[in-house]
Amino acid sequence: GPRGTLVVETDPAGAEIYVDGRSYG
């Protein structure tokens, strides 16, 4: 199926982001 991009922002910035259990920085 089709795929896309998820943009994750936080306040404050600099938090470590995991999506579906994988770290993305």
PDBML (XML) file of the C-alpha atoms, coordinates in Angstrom:
<?xml version="1.0" encoding="UTF-8" ?>
<PDBx:datablock datablockName="MODEL"
   xmlns:PDBx="http://pdbml.pdb.org/schema/pdbx-v50.xsd"
   xmlns:xsi="http://www.w3.org/2001/XMLSchema-instance"
   xsi:schemaLocation="http://pdbml.pdb.org/schema/pdbx-v50.xsd pdbx-v50.xsd">
   <PDBx:atom_siteCategory>
      <PDBx:atom_site id="1">
         <PDBx:B_iso_or_equiv>0.00</PDBx:B_iso_or_equiv>
         <PDBx:Cartn_x>0.000</PDBx:Cartn_x>
         <PDBx:Cartn_y>0.000</PDBx:Cartn_y>
         <PDBx:Cartn_z>0.000</PDBx:Cartn_z>
         <PDBx:auth_asym_id>A</PDBx:auth_asym_id>
         <PDBx:auth_atom_id>CA</PDBx:auth_atom_id>
         <PDBx:auth_comp_id>GLY</PDBx:auth_comp_id>
         <PDBx:auth_seq_id>1</PDBx:auth_seq_id>
         <PDBx:group_PDB>ATOM</PDBx:group_PDB>
         <PDBx:label_alt_id xsi:nil="true" />
         <PDBx:label_asym_id>A</PDBx:label_asym_id>
         <PDBx:label_atom_id>CA</PDBx:label_atom_id>
         <PDBx:label_comp_id>GLY</PDBx:label_comp_id>
         <PDBx:label_entity_id>1</PDBx:label_entity_id>
         <PDBx:label_seq_id>1</PDBx:label_seq_id>
         <PDBx:occupancy>1.00</PDBx:occupancy>
         <PDBx:pdbx_PDB_model_num>1</PDBx:pdbx_PDB_model_num>
         <PDBx:type_symbol>C</PDBx:type_symbol>
      </PDBx:atom_site>
      <PDBx:atom_site id="2">
         <PDBx:B_iso_or_equiv>0.00</PDBx:B_iso_or_equiv>
         <PDBx:Cartn_x>0.854</PDBx:Cartn_x>
         <PDBx:Cartn_y>3.724</PDBx:Cartn_y>
         <PDBx:Cartn_z>-0.146</PDBx:Cartn_z>
         <PDBx:auth_asym_id>A</PDBx:auth_asym_id>
         <PDBx:auth_atom_id>CA</PDBx:auth_atom_id>
         <PDBx:auth_comp_id>PRO</PDBx:auth_comp_id>
         <PDBx:auth_seq_id>2</PDBx:auth_seq_id>
         <PDBx:group_PDB>ATOM</PDBx:group_PDB>
         <PDBx:label_alt_id xsi:nil="true" />
         <PDBx:label_asym_id>A</PDBx:label_asym_id>
         <PDBx:label_atom_id>CA</PDBx:label_atom_id>
         <PDBx:label_comp_id>PRO</PDBx:label_comp_id>
         <PDBx:label_entity_id>1</PDBx:label_entity_id>
         <PDBx:label_seq_id>2</PDBx:label_seq_id>
         <PDBx:occupancy>1.00</PDBx:occupancy>
         <PDBx:pdbx_PDB_model_num>1</PDBx:pdbx_PDB_model_num>
         <PDBx:type_symbol>C</PDBx:type_symbol>
      </PDBx:atom_site>
      <PDBx:atom_site id="3">
         <PDBx:B_iso_or_equiv>0.00</PDBx:B_iso_or_equiv>
         <PDBx:Cartn_x>3.420</PDBx:Cartn_x>
         <PDBx:Cartn_y>5.228</PDBx:Cartn_y>
         <PDBx:Cartn_z>2.168</PDBx:Cartn_z>
         <PDBx:auth_asym_id>A</PDBx:auth_asym_id>
         <PDBx:auth_atom_id>CA</PDBx:auth_atom_id>
         <PDBx:auth_comp_id>ARG</PDBx:auth_comp_id>
         <PDBx:auth_seq_id>3</PDBx:auth_seq_id>
         <PDBx:group_PDB>ATOM</PDBx:group_PDB>
         <PDBx:label_alt_id xsi:nil="true" />
         <PDBx:label_asym_id>A</PDBx:label_asym_id>
         <PDBx:label_atom_id>CA</PDBx:label_atom_id>
         <PDBx:label_comp_id>ARG</PDBx:label_comp_id>
         <PDBx:label_entity_id>1</PDBx:label_entity_id>
         <PDBx:label_seq_id>3</PDBx:label_seq_id>
         <PDBx:occupancy>1.00</PDBx:occupancy>
         <PDBx:pdbx_PDB_model_num>1</PDBx:pdbx_PDB_model_num>
         <PDBx:type_symbol>C</PDBx:type_symbol>
      </PDBx:atom_site>
      <PDBx:atom_site id="4">
         <PDBx:B_iso_or_equiv>0.00</PDBx:B_iso_or_equiv>
         <PDBx:Cartn_x>4.145</PDBx:Cartn_x>
         <PDBx:Cartn_y>8.693</PDBx:Cartn_y>
         <PDBx:Cartn_z>3.458</PDBx:Cartn_z>
         <PDBx:auth_asym_id>A</PDBx:auth_asym_id>
         <PDBx:auth_atom_id>CA</PDBx:auth_atom_id>
         <PDBx:auth_comp_id>GLY</PDBx:auth_comp_id>
         <PDBx:auth_seq_id>4</PDBx:auth_seq_id>
         <PDBx:group_PDB>ATOM</PDBx:group_PDB>
         <PDBx:label_alt_id xsi:nil="true" />
         <PDBx:label_asym_id>A</PDBx:label_asym_id>
         <PDBx:label_atom_id>CA</PDBx:label_atom_id>
         <PDBx:label_comp_id>GLY</PDBx:label_comp_id>
         <PDBx:label_entity_id>1</PDBx:label_entity_id>
         <PDBx:label_seq_id>4</PDBx:label_seq_id>
         <PDBx:occupancy>1.00</PDBx:occupancy>
         <PDBx:pdbx_PDB_model_num>1</PDBx:pdbx_PDB_model_num>
         <PDBx:type_symbol>C</PDBx:type_symbol>
      </PDBx:atom_site>
      <PDBx:atom_site id="5">
         <PDBx:B_iso_or_equiv>0.00</PDBx:B_iso_or_equiv>
         <PDBx:Cartn_x>6.069</PDBx:Cartn_x>
         <PDBx:Cartn_y>10.857</PDBx:Cartn_y>
         <PDBx:Cartn_z>5.927</PDBx:Cartn_z>
         <PDBx:auth_asym_id>A</PDBx:auth_asym_id>
         <PDBx:auth_atom_id>CA</PDBx:auth_atom_id>
         <PDBx:auth_comp_id>THR</PDBx:auth_comp_id>
         <PDBx:auth_seq_id>5</PDBx:auth_seq_id>
         <PDBx:group_PDB>ATOM</PDBx:group_PDB>
         <PDBx:label_alt_id xsi:nil="true" />
         <PDBx:label_asym_id>A</PDBx:label_asym_id>
         <PDBx:label_atom_id>CA</PDBx:label_atom_id>
         <PDBx:label_comp_id>THR</PDBx:label_comp_id>
         <PDBx:label_entity_id>1</PDBx:label_entity_id>
         <PDBx:label_seq_id>5</PDBx:label_seq_id>
         <PDBx:occupancy>1.00</PDBx:occupancy>
         <PDBx:pdbx_PDB_model_num>1</PDBx:pdbx_PDB_model_num>
         <PDBx:type_symbol>C</PDBx:type_symbol>
      </PDBx:atom_site>
      <PDBx:atom_site id="6">
         <PDBx:B_iso_or_equiv>0.00</PDBx:B_iso_or_equiv>
         <PDBx:Cartn_x>5.290</PDBx:Cartn_x>
         <PDBx:Cartn_y>11.562</PDBx:Cartn_y>
         <PDBx:Cartn_z>9.569</PDBx:Cartn_z>
         <PDBx:auth_asym_id>A</PDBx:auth_asym_id>
         <PDBx:auth_atom_id>CA</PDBx:auth_atom_id>
         <PDBx:auth_comp_id>LEU</PDBx:auth_comp_id>
         <PDBx:auth_seq_id>6</PDBx:auth_seq_id>
         <PDBx:group_PDB>ATOM</PDBx:group_PDB>
         <PDBx:label_alt_id xsi:nil="true" />
         <PDBx:label_asym_id>A</PDBx:label_asym_id>
         <PDBx:label_atom_id>CA</PDBx:label_atom_id>
         <PDBx:label_comp_id>LEU</PDBx:label_comp_id>
         <PDBx:label_entity_id>1</PDBx:label_entity_id>
         <PDBx:label_seq_id>6</PDBx:label_seq_id>
         <PDBx:occupancy>1.00</PDBx:occupancy>
         <PDBx:pdbx_PDB_model_num>1</PDBx:pdbx_PDB_model_num>
         <PDBx:type_symbol>C</PDBx:type_symbol>
      </PDBx:atom_site>
      <PDBx:atom_site id="7">
         <PDBx:B_iso_or_equiv>0.00</PDBx:B_iso_or_equiv>
         <PDBx:Cartn_x>6.782</PDBx:Cartn_x>
         <PDBx:Cartn_y>14.751</PDBx:Cartn_y>
         <PDBx:Cartn_z>11.005</PDBx:Cartn_z>
         <PDBx:auth_asym_id>A</PDBx:auth_asym_id>
         <PDBx:auth_atom_id>CA</PDBx:auth_atom_id>
         <PDBx:auth_comp_id>VAL</PDBx:auth_comp_id>
         <PDBx:auth_seq_id>7</PDBx:auth_seq_id>
         <PDBx:group_PDB>ATOM</PDBx:group_PDB>
         <PDBx:label_alt_id xsi:nil="true" />
         <PDBx:label_asym_id>A</PDBx:label_asym_id>
         <PDBx:label_atom_id>CA</PDBx:label_atom_id>
         <PDBx:label_comp_id>VAL</PDBx:label_comp_id>
         <PDBx:label_entity_id>1</PDBx:label_entity_id>
         <PDBx:label_seq_id>7</PDBx:label_seq_id>
         <PDBx:occupancy>1.00</PDBx:occupancy>
         <PDBx:pdbx_PDB_model_num>1</PDBx:pdbx_PDB_model_num>
         <PDBx:type_symbol>C</PDBx:type_symbol>
      </PDBx:atom_site>
      <PDBx:atom_site id="8">
         <PDBx:B_iso_or_equiv>0.00</PDBx:B_iso_or_equiv>
         <PDBx:Cartn_x>7.081</PDBx:Cartn_x>
         <PDBx:Cartn_y>14.793</PDBx:Cartn_y>
         <PDBx:Cartn_z>14.790</PDBx:Cartn_z>
         <PDBx:auth_asym_id>A</PDBx:auth_asym_id>
         <PDBx:auth_atom_id>CA</PDBx:auth_atom_id>
         <PDBx:auth_comp_id>VAL</PDBx:auth_comp_id>
         <PDBx:auth_seq_id>8</PDBx:auth_seq_id>
         <PDBx:group_PDB>ATOM</PDBx:group_PDB>
         <PDBx:label_alt_id xsi:nil="true" />
         <PDBx:label_asym_id>A</PDBx:label_asym_id>
         <PDBx:label_atom_id>CA</PDBx:label_atom_id>
         <PDBx:label_comp_id>VAL</PDBx:label_comp_id>
         <PDBx:label_entity_id>1</PDBx:label_entity_id>
         <PDBx:label_seq_id>8</PDBx:label_seq_id>
         <PDBx:occupancy>1.00</PDBx:occupancy>
         <PDBx:pdbx_PDB_model_num>1</PDBx:pdbx_PDB_model_num>
         <PDBx:type_symbol>C</PDBx:type_symbol>
      </PDBx:atom_site>
      <PDBx:atom_site id="9">
         <PDBx:B_iso_or_equiv>0.00</PDBx:B_iso_or_equiv>
         <PDBx:Cartn_x>7.728</PDBx:Cartn_x>
         <PDBx:Cartn_y>18.020</PDBx:Cartn_y>
         <PDBx:Cartn_z>16.704</PDBx:Cartn_z>
         <PDBx:auth_asym_id>A</PDBx:auth_asym_id>
         <PDBx:auth_atom_id>CA</PDBx:auth_atom_id>
         <PDBx:auth_comp_id>GLU</PDBx:auth_comp_id>
         <PDBx:auth_seq_id>9</PDBx:auth_seq_id>
         <PDBx:group_PDB>ATOM</PDBx:group_PDB>
         <PDBx:label_alt_id xsi:nil="true" />
         <PDBx:label_asym_id>A</PDBx:label_asym_id>
         <PDBx:label_atom_id>CA</PDBx:label_atom_id>
         <PDBx:label_comp_id>GLU</PDBx:label_comp_id>
         <PDBx:label_entity_id>1</PDBx:label_entity_id>
         <PDBx:label_seq_id>9</PDBx:label_seq_id>
         <PDBx:occupancy>1.00</PDBx:occupancy>
         <PDBx:pdbx_PDB_model_num>1</PDBx:pdbx_PDB_model_num>
         <PDBx:type_symbol>C</PDBx:type_symbol>
      </PDBx:atom_site>
      <PDBx:atom_site id="10">
         <PDBx:B_iso_or_equiv>0.00</PDBx:B_iso_or_equiv>
         <PDBx:Cartn_x>7.955</PDBx:Cartn_x>
         <PDBx:Cartn_y>18.643</PDBx:Cartn_y>
         <PDBx:Cartn_z>20.435</PDBx:Cartn_z>
         <PDBx:auth_asym_id>A</PDBx:auth_asym_id>
         <PDBx:auth_atom_id>CA</PDBx:auth_atom_id>
         <PDBx:auth_comp_id>THR</PDBx:auth_comp_id>
         <PDBx:auth_seq_id>10</PDBx:auth_seq_id>
         <PDBx:group_PDB>ATOM</PDBx:group_PDB>
         <PDBx:label_alt_id xsi:nil="true" />
         <PDBx:label_asym_id>A</PDBx:label_asym_id>
         <PDBx:label_atom_id>CA</PDBx:label_atom_id>
         <PDBx:label_comp_id>THR</PDBx:label_comp_id>
         <PDBx:label_entity_id>1</PDBx:label_entity_id>
         <PDBx:label_seq_id>10</PDBx:label_seq_id>
         <PDBx:occupancy>1.00</PDBx:occupancy>
         <PDBx:pdbx_PDB_model_num>1</PDBx:pdbx_PDB_model_num>
         <PDBx:type_symbol>C</PDBx:type_symbol>
      </PDBx:atom_site>
      <PDBx:atom_site id="11">
         <PDBx:B_iso_or_equiv>0.00</PDBx:B_iso_or_equiv>
         <PDBx:Cartn_x>8.024</PDBx:Cartn_x>
         <PDBx:Cartn_y>21.600</PDBx:Cartn_y>
         <PDBx:Cartn_z>22.757</PDBx:Cartn_z>
         <PDBx:auth_asym_id>A</PDBx:auth_asym_id>
         <PDBx:auth_atom_id>CA</PDBx:auth_atom_id>
         <PDBx:auth_comp_id>ASP</PDBx:auth_comp_id>
         <PDBx:auth_seq_id>11</PDBx:auth_seq_id>
         <PDBx:group_PDB>ATOM</PDBx:group_PDB>
         <PDBx:label_alt_id xsi:nil="true" />
         <PDBx:label_asym_id>A</PDBx:label_asym_id>
         <PDBx:label_atom_id>CA</PDBx:label_atom_id>
         <PDBx:label_comp_id>ASP</PDBx:label_comp_id>
         <PDBx:label_entity_id>1</PDBx:label_entity_id>
         <PDBx:label_seq_id>11</PDBx:label_seq_id>
         <PDBx:occupancy>1.00</PDBx:occupancy>
         <PDBx:pdbx_PDB_model_num>1</PDBx:pdbx_PDB_model_num>
         <PDBx:type_symbol>C</PDBx:type_symbol>
      </PDBx:atom_site>
      <PDBx:atom_site id="12">
         <PDBx:B_iso_or_equiv>0.00</PDBx:B_iso_or_equiv>
         <PDBx:Cartn_x>10.747</PDBx:Cartn_x>
         <PDBx:Cartn_y>21.818</PDBx:Cartn_y>
         <PDBx:Cartn_z>23.911</PDBx:Cartn_z>
         <PDBx:auth_asym_id>A</PDBx:auth_asym_id>
         <PDBx:auth_atom_id>CA</PDBx:auth_atom_id>
         <PDBx:auth_comp_id>PRO</PDBx:auth_comp_id>
         <PDBx:auth_seq_id>12</PDBx:auth_seq_id>
         <PDBx:group_PDB>ATOM</PDBx:group_PDB>
         <PDBx:label_alt_id xsi:nil="true" />
         <PDBx:label_asym_id>A</PDBx:label_asym_id>
         <PDBx:label_atom_id>CA</PDBx:label_atom_id>
         <PDBx:label_comp_id>PRO</PDBx:label_comp_id>
         <PDBx:label_entity_id>1</PDBx:label_entity_id>
         <PDBx:label_seq_id>12</PDBx:label_seq_id>
         <PDBx:occupancy>1.00</PDBx:occupancy>
         <PDBx:pdbx_PDB_model_num>1</PDBx:pdbx_PDB_model_num>
         <PDBx:type_symbol>C</PDBx:type_symbol>
      </PDBx:atom_site>
      <PDBx:atom_site id="13">
         <PDBx:B_iso_or_equiv>0.00</PDBx:B_iso_or_equiv>
         <PDBx:Cartn_x>12.709</PDBx:Cartn_x>
         <PDBx:Cartn_y>20.472</PDBx:Cartn_y>
         <PDBx:Cartn_z>20.950</PDBx:Cartn_z>
         <PDBx:auth_asym_id>A</PDBx:auth_asym_id>
         <PDBx:auth_atom_id>CA</PDBx:auth_atom_id>
         <PDBx:auth_comp_id>ALA</PDBx:auth_comp_id>
         <PDBx:auth_seq_id>13</PDBx:auth_seq_id>
         <PDBx:group_PDB>ATOM</PDBx:group_PDB>
         <PDBx:label_alt_id xsi:nil="true" />
         <PDBx:label_asym_id>A</PDBx:label_asym_id>
         <PDBx:label_atom_id>CA</PDBx:label_atom_id>
         <PDBx:label_comp_id>ALA</PDBx:label_comp_id>
         <PDBx:label_entity_id>1</PDBx:label_entity_id>
         <PDBx:label_seq_id>13</PDBx:label_seq_id>
         <PDBx:occupancy>1.00</PDBx:occupancy>
         <PDBx:pdbx_PDB_model_num>1</PDBx:pdbx_PDB_model_num>
         <PDBx:type_symbol>C</PDBx:type_symbol>
      </PDBx:atom_site>
      <PDBx:atom_site id="14">
         <PDBx:B_iso_or_equiv>0.00</PDBx:B_iso_or_equiv>
         <PDBx:Cartn_x>15.518</PDBx:Cartn_x>
         <PDBx:Cartn_y>17.955</PDBx:Cartn_y>
         <PDBx:Cartn_z>21.271</PDBx:Cartn_z>
         <PDBx:auth_asym_id>A</PDBx:auth_asym_id>
         <PDBx:auth_atom_id>CA</PDBx:auth_atom_id>
         <PDBx:auth_comp_id>GLY</PDBx:auth_comp_id>
         <PDBx:auth_seq_id>14</PDBx:auth_seq_id>
         <PDBx:group_PDB>ATOM</PDBx:group_PDB>
         <PDBx:label_alt_id xsi:nil="true" />
         <PDBx:label_asym_id>A</PDBx:label_asym_id>
         <PDBx:label_atom_id>CA</PDBx:label_atom_id>
         <PDBx:label_comp_id>GLY</PDBx:label_comp_id>
         <PDBx:label_entity_id>1</PDBx:label_entity_id>
         <PDBx:label_seq_id>14</PDBx:label_seq_id>
         <PDBx:occupancy>1.00</PDBx:occupancy>
         <PDBx:pdbx_PDB_model_num>1</PDBx:pdbx_PDB_model_num>
         <PDBx:type_symbol>C</PDBx:type_symbol>
      </PDBx:atom_site>
      <PDBx:atom_site id="15">
         <PDBx:B_iso_or_equiv>0.00</PDBx:B_iso_or_equiv>
         <PDBx:Cartn_x>13.503</PDBx:Cartn_x>
         <PDBx:Cartn_y>15.043</PDBx:Cartn_y>
         <PDBx:Cartn_z>22.667</PDBx:Cartn_z>
         <PDBx:auth_asym_id>A</PDBx:auth_asym_id>
         <PDBx:auth_atom_id>CA</PDBx:auth_atom_id>
         <PDBx:auth_comp_id>ALA</PDBx:auth_comp_id>
         <PDBx:auth_seq_id>15</PDBx:auth_seq_id>
         <PDBx:group_PDB>ATOM</PDBx:group_PDB>
         <PDBx:label_alt_id xsi:nil="true" />
         <PDBx:label_asym_id>A</PDBx:label_asym_id>
         <PDBx:label_atom_id>CA</PDBx:label_atom_id>
         <PDBx:label_comp_id>ALA</PDBx:label_comp_id>
         <PDBx:label_entity_id>1</PDBx:label_entity_id>
         <PDBx:label_seq_id>15</PDBx:label_seq_id>
         <PDBx:occupancy>1.00</PDBx:occupancy>
         <PDBx:pdbx_PDB_model_num>1</PDBx:pdbx_PDB_model_num>
         <PDBx:type_symbol>C</PDBx:type_symbol>
      </PDBx:atom_site>
      <PDBx:atom_site id="16">
         <PDBx:B_iso_or_equiv>0.00</PDBx:B_iso_or_equiv>
         <PDBx:Cartn_x>14.340</PDBx:Cartn_x>
         <PDBx:Cartn_y>11.562</PDBx:Cartn_y>
         <PDBx:Cartn_z>21.455</PDBx:Cartn_z>
         <PDBx:auth_asym_id>A</PDBx:auth_asym_id>
         <PDBx:auth_atom_id>CA</PDBx:auth_atom_id>
         <PDBx:auth_comp_id>GLU</PDBx:auth_comp_id>
         <PDBx:auth_seq_id>16</PDBx:auth_seq_id>
         <PDBx:group_PDB>ATOM</PDBx:group_PDB>
         <PDBx:label_alt_id xsi:nil="true" />
         <PDBx:label_asym_id>A</PDBx:label_asym_id>
         <PDBx:label_atom_id>CA</PDBx:label_atom_id>
         <PDBx:label_comp_id>GLU</PDBx:label_comp_id>
         <PDBx:label_entity_id>1</PDBx:label_entity_id>
         <PDBx:label_seq_id>16</PDBx:label_seq_id>
         <PDBx:occupancy>1.00</PDBx:occupancy>
         <PDBx:pdbx_PDB_model_num>1</PDBx:pdbx_PDB_model_num>
         <PDBx:type_symbol>C</PDBx:type_symbol>
      </PDBx:atom_site>
      <PDBx:atom_site id="17">
         <PDBx:B_iso_or_equiv>0.00</PDBx:B_iso_or_equiv>
         <PDBx:Cartn_x>11.608</PDBx:Cartn_x>
         <PDBx:Cartn_y>10.288</PDBx:Cartn_y>
         <PDBx:Cartn_z>19.142</PDBx:Cartn_z>
         <PDBx:auth_asym_id>A</PDBx:auth_asym_id>
         <PDBx:auth_atom_id>CA</PDBx:auth_atom_id>
         <PDBx:auth_comp_id>ILE</PDBx:auth_comp_id>
         <PDBx:auth_seq_id>17</PDBx:auth_seq_id>
         <PDBx:group_PDB>ATOM</PDBx:group_PDB>
         <PDBx:label_alt_id xsi:nil="true" />
         <PDBx:label_asym_id>A</PDBx:label_asym_id>
         <PDBx:label_atom_id>CA</PDBx:label_atom_id>
         <PDBx:label_comp_id>ILE</PDBx:label_comp_id>
         <PDBx:label_entity_id>1</PDBx:label_entity_id>
         <PDBx:label_seq_id>17</PDBx:label_seq_id>
         <PDBx:occupancy>1.00</PDBx:occupancy>
         <PDBx:pdbx_PDB_model_num>1</PDBx:pdbx_PDB_model_num>
         <PDBx:type_symbol>C</PDBx:type_symbol>
      </PDBx:atom_site>
      <PDBx:atom_site id="18">
         <PDBx:B_iso_or_equiv>0.00</PDBx:B_iso_or_equiv>
         <PDBx:Cartn_x>10.616</PDBx:Cartn_x>
         <PDBx:Cartn_y>6.659</PDBx:Cartn_y>
         <PDBx:Cartn_z>18.656</PDBx:Cartn_z>
         <PDBx:auth_asym_id>A</PDBx:auth_asym_id>
         <PDBx:auth_atom_id>CA</PDBx:auth_atom_id>
         <PDBx:auth_comp_id>TYR</PDBx:auth_comp_id>
         <PDBx:auth_seq_id>18</PDBx:auth_seq_id>
         <PDBx:group_PDB>ATOM</PDBx:group_PDB>
         <PDBx:label_alt_id xsi:nil="true" />
         <PDBx:label_asym_id>A</PDBx:label_asym_id>
         <PDBx:label_atom_id>CA</PDBx:label_atom_id>
         <PDBx:label_comp_id>TYR</PDBx:label_comp_id>
         <PDBx:label_entity_id>1</PDBx:label_entity_id>
         <PDBx:label_seq_id>18</PDBx:label_seq_id>
         <PDBx:occupancy>1.00</PDBx:occupancy>
         <PDBx:pdbx_PDB_model_num>1</PDBx:pdbx_PDB_model_num>
         <PDBx:type_symbol>C</PDBx:type_symbol>
      </PDBx:atom_site>
      <PDBx:atom_site id="19">
         <PDBx:B_iso_or_equiv>0.00</PDBx:B_iso_or_equiv>
         <PDBx:Cartn_x>8.059</PDBx:Cartn_x>
         <PDBx:Cartn_y>5.609</PDBx:Cartn_y>
         <PDBx:Cartn_z>16.058</PDBx:Cartn_z>
         <PDBx:auth_asym_id>A</PDBx:auth_asym_id>
         <PDBx:auth_atom_id>CA</PDBx:auth_atom_id>
         <PDBx:auth_comp_id>VAL</PDBx:auth_comp_id>
         <PDBx:auth_seq_id>19</PDBx:auth_seq_id>
         <PDBx:group_PDB>ATOM</PDBx:group_PDB>
         <PDBx:label_alt_id xsi:nil="true" />
         <PDBx:label_asym_id>A</PDBx:label_asym_id>
         <PDBx:label_atom_id>CA</PDBx:label_atom_id>
         <PDBx:label_comp_id>VAL</PDBx:label_comp_id>
         <PDBx:label_entity_id>1</PDBx:label_entity_id>
         <PDBx:label_seq_id>19</PDBx:label_seq_id>
         <PDBx:occupancy>1.00</PDBx:occupancy>
         <PDBx:pdbx_PDB_model_num>1</PDBx:pdbx_PDB_model_num>
         <PDBx:type_symbol>C</PDBx:type_symbol>
      </PDBx:atom_site>
      <PDBx:atom_site id="20">
         <PDBx:B_iso_or_equiv>0.00</PDBx:B_iso_or_equiv>
         <PDBx:Cartn_x>6.735</PDBx:Cartn_x>
         <PDBx:Cartn_y>2.056</PDBx:Cartn_y>
         <PDBx:Cartn_z>16.370</PDBx:Cartn_z>
         <PDBx:auth_asym_id>A</PDBx:auth_asym_id>
         <PDBx:auth_atom_id>CA</PDBx:auth_atom_id>
         <PDBx:auth_comp_id>ASP</PDBx:auth_comp_id>
         <PDBx:auth_seq_id>20</PDBx:auth_seq_id>
         <PDBx:group_PDB>ATOM</PDBx:group_PDB>
         <PDBx:label_alt_id xsi:nil="true" />
         <PDBx:label_asym_id>A</PDBx:label_asym_id>
         <PDBx:label_atom_id>CA</PDBx:label_atom_id>
         <PDBx:label_comp_id>ASP</PDBx:label_comp_id>
         <PDBx:label_entity_id>1</PDBx:label_entity_id>
         <PDBx:label_seq_id>20</PDBx:label_seq_id>
         <PDBx:occupancy>1.00</PDBx:occupancy>
         <PDBx:pdbx_PDB_model_num>1</PDBx:pdbx_PDB_model_num>
         <PDBx:type_symbol>C</PDBx:type_symbol>
      </PDBx:atom_site>
      <PDBx:atom_site id="21">
         <PDBx:B_iso_or_equiv>0.00</PDBx:B_iso_or_equiv>
         <PDBx:Cartn_x>9.590</PDBx:Cartn_x>
         <PDBx:Cartn_y>1.240</PDBx:Cartn_y>
         <PDBx:Cartn_z>18.745</PDBx:Cartn_z>
         <PDBx:auth_asym_id>A</PDBx:auth_asym_id>
         <PDBx:auth_atom_id>CA</PDBx:auth_atom_id>
         <PDBx:auth_comp_id>GLY</PDBx:auth_comp_id>
         <PDBx:auth_seq_id>21</PDBx:auth_seq_id>
         <PDBx:group_PDB>ATOM</PDBx:group_PDB>
         <PDBx:label_alt_id xsi:nil="true" />
         <PDBx:label_asym_id>A</PDBx:label_asym_id>
         <PDBx:label_atom_id>CA</PDBx:label_atom_id>
         <PDBx:label_comp_id>GLY</PDBx:label_comp_id>
         <PDBx:label_entity_id>1</PDBx:label_entity_id>
         <PDBx:label_seq_id>21</PDBx:label_seq_id>
         <PDBx:occupancy>1.00</PDBx:occupancy>
         <PDBx:pdbx_PDB_model_num>1</PDBx:pdbx_PDB_model_num>
         <PDBx:type_symbol>C</PDBx:type_symbol>
      </PDBx:atom_site>
      <PDBx:atom_site id="22">
         <PDBx:B_iso_or_equiv>0.00</PDBx:B_iso_or_equiv>
         <PDBx:Cartn_x>12.436</PDBx:Cartn_x>
         <PDBx:Cartn_y>2.514</PDBx:Cartn_y>
         <PDBx:Cartn_z>16.544</PDBx:Cartn_z>
         <PDBx:auth_asym_id>A</PDBx:auth_asym_id>
         <PDBx:auth_atom_id>CA</PDBx:auth_atom_id>
         <PDBx:auth_comp_id>ARG</PDBx:auth_comp_id>
         <PDBx:auth_seq_id>22</PDBx:auth_seq_id>
         <PDBx:group_PDB>ATOM</PDBx:group_PDB>
         <PDBx:label_alt_id xsi:nil="true" />
         <PDBx:label_asym_id>A</PDBx:label_asym_id>
         <PDBx:label_atom_id>CA</PDBx:label_atom_id>
         <PDBx:label_comp_id>ARG</PDBx:label_comp_id>
         <PDBx:label_entity_id>1</PDBx:label_entity_id>
         <PDBx:label_seq_id>22</PDBx:label_seq_id>
         <PDBx:occupancy>1.00</PDBx:occupancy>
         <PDBx:pdbx_PDB_model_num>1</PDBx:pdbx_PDB_model_num>
         <PDBx:type_symbol>C</PDBx:type_symbol>
      </PDBx:atom_site>
      <PDBx:atom_site id="23">
         <PDBx:B_iso_or_equiv>0.00</PDBx:B_iso_or_equiv>
         <PDBx:Cartn_x>14.510</PDBx:Cartn_x>
         <PDBx:Cartn_y>5.560</PDBx:Cartn_y>
         <PDBx:Cartn_z>17.486</PDBx:Cartn_z>
         <PDBx:auth_asym_id>A</PDBx:auth_asym_id>
         <PDBx:auth_atom_id>CA</PDBx:auth_atom_id>
         <PDBx:auth_comp_id>SER</PDBx:auth_comp_id>
         <PDBx:auth_seq_id>23</PDBx:auth_seq_id>
         <PDBx:group_PDB>ATOM</PDBx:group_PDB>
         <PDBx:label_alt_id xsi:nil="true" />
         <PDBx:label_asym_id>A</PDBx:label_asym_id>
         <PDBx:label_atom_id>CA</PDBx:label_atom_id>
         <PDBx:label_comp_id>SER</PDBx:label_comp_id>
         <PDBx:label_entity_id>1</PDBx:label_entity_id>
         <PDBx:label_seq_id>23</PDBx:label_seq_id>
         <PDBx:occupancy>1.00</PDBx:occupancy>
         <PDBx:pdbx_PDB_model_num>1</PDBx:pdbx_PDB_model_num>
         <PDBx:type_symbol>C</PDBx:type_symbol>
      </PDBx:atom_site>
      <PDBx:atom_site id="24">
         <PDBx:B_iso_or_equiv>0.00</PDBx:B_iso_or_equiv>
         <PDBx:Cartn_x>14.712</PDBx:Cartn_x>
         <PDBx:Cartn_y>8.305</PDBx:Cartn_y>
         <PDBx:Cartn_z>14.857</PDBx:Cartn_z>
         <PDBx:auth_asym_id>A</PDBx:auth_asym_id>
         <PDBx:auth_atom_id>CA</PDBx:auth_atom_id>
         <PDBx:auth_comp_id>TYR</PDBx:auth_comp_id>
         <PDBx:auth_seq_id>24</PDBx:auth_seq_id>
         <PDBx:group_PDB>ATOM</PDBx:group_PDB>
         <PDBx:label_alt_id xsi:nil="true" />
         <PDBx:label_asym_id>A</PDBx:label_asym_id>
         <PDBx:label_atom_id>CA</PDBx:label_atom_id>
         <PDBx:label_comp_id>TYR</PDBx:label_comp_id>
         <PDBx:label_entity_id>1</PDBx:label_entity_id>
         <PDBx:label_seq_id>24</PDBx:label_seq_id>
         <PDBx:occupancy>1.00</PDBx:occupancy>
         <PDBx:pdbx_PDB_model_num>1</PDBx:pdbx_PDB_model_num>
         <PDBx:type_symbol>C</PDBx:type_symbol>
      </PDBx:atom_site>
      <PDBx:atom_site id="25">
         <PDBx:B_iso_or_equiv>0.00</PDBx:B_iso_or_equiv>
         <PDBx:Cartn_x>16.812</PDBx:Cartn_x>
         <PDBx:Cartn_y>10.880</PDBx:Cartn_y>
         <PDBx:Cartn_z>16.690</PDBx:Cartn_z>
         <PDBx:auth_asym_id>A</PDBx:auth_asym_id>
         <PDBx:auth_atom_id>CA</PDBx:auth_atom_id>
         <PDBx:auth_comp_id>GLY</PDBx:auth_comp_id>
         <PDBx:auth_seq_id>25</PDBx:auth_seq_id>
         <PDBx:group_PDB>ATOM</PDBx:group_PDB>
         <PDBx:label_alt_id xsi:nil="true" />
         <PDBx:label_asym_id>A</PDBx:label_asym_id>
         <PDBx:label_atom_id>CA</PDBx:label_atom_id>
         <PDBx:label_comp_id>GLY</PDBx:label_comp_id>
         <PDBx:label_entity_id>1</PDBx:label_entity_id>
         <PDBx:label_seq_id>25</PDBx:label_seq_id>
         <PDBx:occupancy>1.00</PDBx:occupancy>
         <PDBx:pdbx_PDB_model_num>1</PDBx:pdbx_PDB_model_num>
         <PDBx:type_symbol>C</PDBx:type_symbol>
      </PDBx:atom_site>
   </PDBx:atom_siteCategory>
</PDBx:datablock>
